Amino acid sequence: MGLFSSKNLIATAKIKFYGEDKALVTYETKITDSEFIEHSKIELFAMYYAKMLYNLGRGEHADLLIEYVQRAVDDSIKSAFVENKETGELGIVKSEVKRPSILGGGQELVDTELGNETKTYTGELYQKSDGSLIVQTHMSWGGEGYYVPVSVTMFLQSLINTLSEVMLAYLMLVLSSMNKYYREIGSYSDIGSIIDAPNFGLDSASQLLNLSK
């Protein structure tokens, strides 16, 4: 039976490519509460990001992806937070949360199927019986050095476009904290980082904003 013997599927994200530069991102869940849906999207993206970095392995493609994600963080929330001097907690100035375009030249998110996809990347978020979260991913073979990081940026762009301002700021704090983990604590090429980096990011962001995970 093994590690995944007792788990409940929370949500599934699919990044369907039509050629190299067009992609459709879909998100399926049985959850009906809108706030919970946004939380689950952030949790799944954080774990997908960690898994794709691990899949890339130590090297230029992964290092550049981390830099790319950090630029998206900076462009989105550079001026969006104020600190409570007494508690140290952060408050969000919603009007200062930006929605940057992070895709490369010629790349495009589409909102409908364009025929038979050329590549499909899938992330599935599961909750285990002990309450912890895990991710399972599925990838089309071939061209991983290109499609793996672009699947991340396409997924992230879809969240930038659609999350509420508060939850977008929360996502960016999660990603900034994950990148801190990769700089200071653990390597993305270590299998343990698939769980540890997202947990660090989610916990750190929740503490800063005084949110429950």
Protein backbone atom coordinates (compact mmCIF):
# COMPACT_ATOMS: atom_id res chain seq x y z
CA MET A 1 0.00 0.00 0.00
CA GLY A 2 2.81 2.42 0.92
CA LEU A 3 2.98 6.16 1.37
CA PHE A 4 -0.09 7.13 -0.66
CA SER A 5 -2.42 4.37 0.58
CA SER A 6 -4.68 6.67 2.61
CA LYS A 7 -5.24 10.03 0.99
CA ASN A 8 -7.99 12.31 -0.21
CA LEU A 9 -7.75 14.22 -3.48
CA ILE A 10 -8.26 17.94 -2.81
CA ALA A 11 -7.63 19.48 -6.22
CA THR A 12 -6.02 18.96 -9.62
CA ALA A 13 -4.29 21.54 -11.78
CA LYS A 14 -3.46 20.87 -15.41
CA ILE A 15 -1.18 22.91 -17.64
CA LYS A 16 -1.93 21.95 -21.24
CA PHE A 17 0.51 23.19 -23.87
CA TYR A 18 -0.39 23.85 -27.48
CA GLY A 19 3.01 24.17 -29.06
CA GLU A 20 5.72 25.78 -26.97
CA ASP A 21 4.17 29.15 -26.20
CA LYS A 22 0.44 28.71 -25.57
CA ALA A 23 -1.01 27.00 -22.51
CA LEU A 24 -4.38 26.47 -20.83
CA VAL A 25 -4.37 26.17 -17.03
CA THR A 26 -7.35 24.41 -15.49
CA TYR A 27 -8.17 23.79 -11.83
CA GLU A 28 -10.62 21.16 -10.63
CA THR A 29 -11.84 20.65 -7.07
CA LYS A 30 -14.92 19.45 -5.25
CA ILE A 31 -14.49 22.28 -2.74
CA THR A 32 -17.24 24.89 -2.94
CA ASP A 33 -16.05 27.49 -0.41
CA SER A 34 -14.32 30.26 -2.39
CA GLU A 35 -11.78 31.14 0.32
CA PHE A 36 -10.85 27.49 0.79
CA ILE A 37 -10.43 27.15 -2.98
CA GLU A 38 -7.96 30.02 -3.02
CA HIS A 39 -6.03 28.47 -0.14
CA SER A 40 -5.90 25.14 -1.95
CA LYS A 41 -4.62 26.79 -5.13
CA ILE A 42 -1.79 28.39 -3.18
CA GLU A 43 -0.94 25.14 -1.39
CA LEU A 44 -0.93 23.19 -4.63
CA PHE A 45 1.17 25.77 -6.46
CA ALA A 46 3.73 25.91 -3.64
CA MET A 47 4.10 22.14 -3.69
CA TYR A 48 4.14 22.01 -7.49
CA TYR A 49 6.89 24.64 -7.57
CA ALA A 50 8.99 22.62 -5.11
CA LYS A 51 8.45 19.39 -7.03
CA MET A 52 9.36 20.93 -10.38
CA LEU A 53 12.57 22.40 -8.94
CA TYR A 54 13.43 18.95 -7.63
CA ASN A 55 12.65 17.40 -11.01
CA LEU A 56 14.92 19.88 -12.76
CA GLY A 57 17.80 18.99 -10.45
CA ARG A 58 20.63 21.26 -9.41
CA GLY A 59 21.66 23.48 -12.29
CA GLU A 60 21.00 26.55 -14.38
CA HIS A 61 17.35 25.83 -15.28
CA ALA A 62 16.28 25.57 -11.64
CA ASP A 63 18.41 28.51 -10.47
CA LEU A 64 16.95 30.73 -13.19
CA LEU A 65 13.41 29.64 -12.28
CA ILE A 66 13.96 30.69 -8.67
CA GLU A 67 15.24 34.08 -9.84
CA TYR A 68 12.26 34.42 -12.19
CA VAL A 69 9.76 33.64 -9.43
CA GLN A 70 11.48 36.08 -7.08
CA ARG A 71 11.17 38.86 -9.67
CA ALA A 72 7.46 38.11 -9.90
CA VAL A 73 7.23 38.38 -6.11
CA ASP A 74 9.05 41.71 -6.10
CA ASP A 75 6.95 43.12 -8.92
CA SER A 76 3.71 42.07 -7.23
CA ILE A 77 4.10 43.04 -3.57
CA LYS A 78 7.04 45.47 -3.40
CA SER A 79 4.89 48.17 -1.76
CA ALA A 80 1.96 46.12 -0.50
CA PHE A 81 2.80 45.57 3.16
CA VAL A 82 2.86 47.71 6.29
CA GLU A 83 4.26 46.42 9.57
CA ASN A 84 2.52 46.70 12.92
CA LYS A 85 5.23 48.26 15.08
CA GLU A 86 3.92 46.62 18.25
CA THR A 87 3.31 43.06 17.05
CA GLY A 88 5.59 42.77 14.02
CA GLU A 89 2.69 41.44 11.98
CA LEU A 90 2.19 42.57 8.40
CA GLY A 91 -0.92 44.20 6.99
CA ILE A 92 -1.78 44.24 3.29
CA VAL A 93 -2.50 47.43 1.35
CA LYS A 94 -4.71 45.89 -1.31
CA SER A 95 -4.38 48.81 -3.70
CA GLU A 96 -0.60 48.24 -3.81
CA VAL A 97 -0.84 44.57 -4.82
CA LYS A 98 0.14 44.40 -8.50
CA ARG A 99 -0.64 41.78 -11.13
CA PRO A 100 2.51 41.67 -13.28
CA SER A 101 2.76 39.93 -16.63
CA ILE A 102 5.55 37.40 -16.08
CA LEU A 103 5.39 35.39 -19.30
CA GLY A 104 8.14 35.56 -21.87
CA GLY A 105 7.81 37.15 -25.28
CA GLY A 106 5.29 35.27 -27.41
CA GLN A 107 4.03 33.18 -24.50
CA GLU A 108 0.30 33.29 -23.86
CA LEU A 109 -2.30 31.88 -21.51
CA VAL A 110 -5.42 30.79 -23.38
CA ASP A 111 -8.87 30.27 -21.89
CA THR A 112 -10.20 27.53 -24.17
CA GLU A 113 -8.98 24.25 -25.63
CA LEU A 114 -7.08 24.68 -28.89
CA GLY A 115 -7.26 21.06 -30.04
CA ASN A 116 -4.92 18.26 -29.08
CA GLU A 117 -2.35 19.45 -26.56
CA THR A 118 1.32 18.78 -27.29
CA LYS A 119 2.36 18.49 -23.62
CA THR A 120 0.41 18.19 -20.38
CA TYR A 121 1.69 18.79 -16.86
CA THR A 122 -0.50 17.85 -13.91
CA GLY A 123 -0.33 18.55 -10.18
CA GLU A 124 -2.62 16.75 -7.73
CA LEU A 125 -2.99 17.96 -4.14
CA TYR A 126 -3.82 15.25 -1.60
CA GLN A 127 -4.49 15.32 2.11
CA LYS A 128 -3.25 12.32 4.06
CA SER A 129 -5.07 10.78 6.99
CA ASP A 130 -2.83 12.69 9.42
CA GLY A 131 -3.89 16.00 7.85
CA SER A 132 -0.61 16.67 6.02
CA LEU A 133 -0.54 17.60 2.35
CA ILE A 134 1.34 15.91 -0.47
CA VAL A 135 1.59 16.51 -4.20
CA GLN A 136 1.75 14.09 -7.08
CA THR A 137 2.82 15.32 -10.50
CA HIS A 138 2.65 13.91 -14.00
CA MET A 139 4.72 15.21 -16.90
CA SER A 140 4.85 14.67 -20.64
CA TRP A 141 8.30 13.44 -21.61
CA GLY A 142 10.64 15.47 -23.76
CA GLY A 143 11.96 19.01 -23.52
CA GLU A 144 11.83 19.11 -19.72
CA GLY A 145 14.44 21.88 -19.53
CA TYR A 146 11.94 24.16 -21.28
CA TYR A 147 8.52 22.84 -20.33
CA VAL A 148 9.10 22.25 -16.61
CA PRO A 149 9.91 25.88 -15.76
CA VAL A 150 7.35 27.26 -18.22
CA SER A 151 4.65 25.06 -16.66
CA VAL A 152 5.47 26.80 -13.36
CA THR A 153 5.32 30.30 -14.83
CA MET A 154 2.10 29.58 -16.72
CA PHE A 155 0.49 28.23 -13.53
CA LEU A 156 1.77 31.24 -11.57
CA GLN A 157 0.50 33.71 -14.17
CA SER A 158 -2.96 32.16 -13.96
CA LEU A 159 -2.94 32.72 -10.17
CA ILE A 160 -1.65 36.27 -10.55
CA ASN A 161 -4.58 36.94 -12.88
CA THR A 162 -7.32 35.40 -10.74
CA LEU A 163 -6.55 35.35 -7.00
CA SER A 164 -8.01 38.06 -4.79
CA GLU A 165 -5.56 40.81 -3.82
CA VAL A 166 -5.15 39.51 -0.27
CA MET A 167 -4.58 35.92 -1.35
CA LEU A 168 -2.23 36.97 -4.14
CA ALA A 169 -0.14 38.85 -1.59
CA TYR A 170 -0.22 35.76 0.64
CA LEU A 171 0.95 33.57 -2.26
CA MET A 172 3.84 35.91 -2.98
CA LEU A 173 4.89 35.87 0.68
CA VAL A 174 4.80 32.06 0.56
CA LEU A 175 7.03 32.02 -2.52
CA SER A 176 9.44 34.58 -1.07
CA SER A 177 9.77 32.43 2.05
CA MET A 178 10.30 29.31 -0.04
CA ASN A 179 13.08 31.04 -1.94
CA LYS A 180 14.62 32.00 1.41
CA TYR A 181 14.50 28.30 2.33
CA TYR A 182 16.41 27.43 -0.85
CA ARG A 183 19.00 30.16 -0.19
CA GLU A 184 19.59 29.54 3.50
CA ILE A 185 18.25 26.20 4.70
CA GLY A 186 17.99 23.35 2.22
CA SER A 187 18.61 22.41 -1.40
CA TYR A 188 15.81 22.05 -3.94
CA SER A 189 17.65 18.96 -5.20
CA ASP A 190 17.08 17.21 -1.85
CA ILE A 191 13.92 15.08 -1.96
CA GLY A 192 12.93 16.31 1.49
CA SER A 193 12.55 19.82 0.10
CA ILE A 194 9.42 18.74 -1.79
CA ILE A 195 7.60 18.85 1.56
CA ASP A 196 9.86 21.01 3.72
CA ALA A 197 10.14 24.06 1.44
CA PRO A 198 6.36 24.53 0.92
CA ASN A 199 5.70 23.95 4.62
CA PHE A 200 8.32 26.55 5.50
CA GLY A 201 6.81 29.01 3.03
CA LEU A 202 3.23 28.47 4.14
CA ASP A 203 4.10 28.59 7.85
CA SER A 204 6.28 31.68 7.50
CA ALA A 205 3.68 33.60 5.49
CA SER A 206 0.88 32.61 7.86
CA GLN A 207 2.87 33.77 10.89
CA LEU A 208 3.75 37.09 9.28
CA LEU A 209 0.09 37.75 8.43
CA ASN A 210 -1.29 36.10 11.58
CA LEU A 211 -3.28 33.63 9.47
CA SER A 212 -4.10 30.03 10.17
CA LYS A 213 -2.48 27.70 7.63
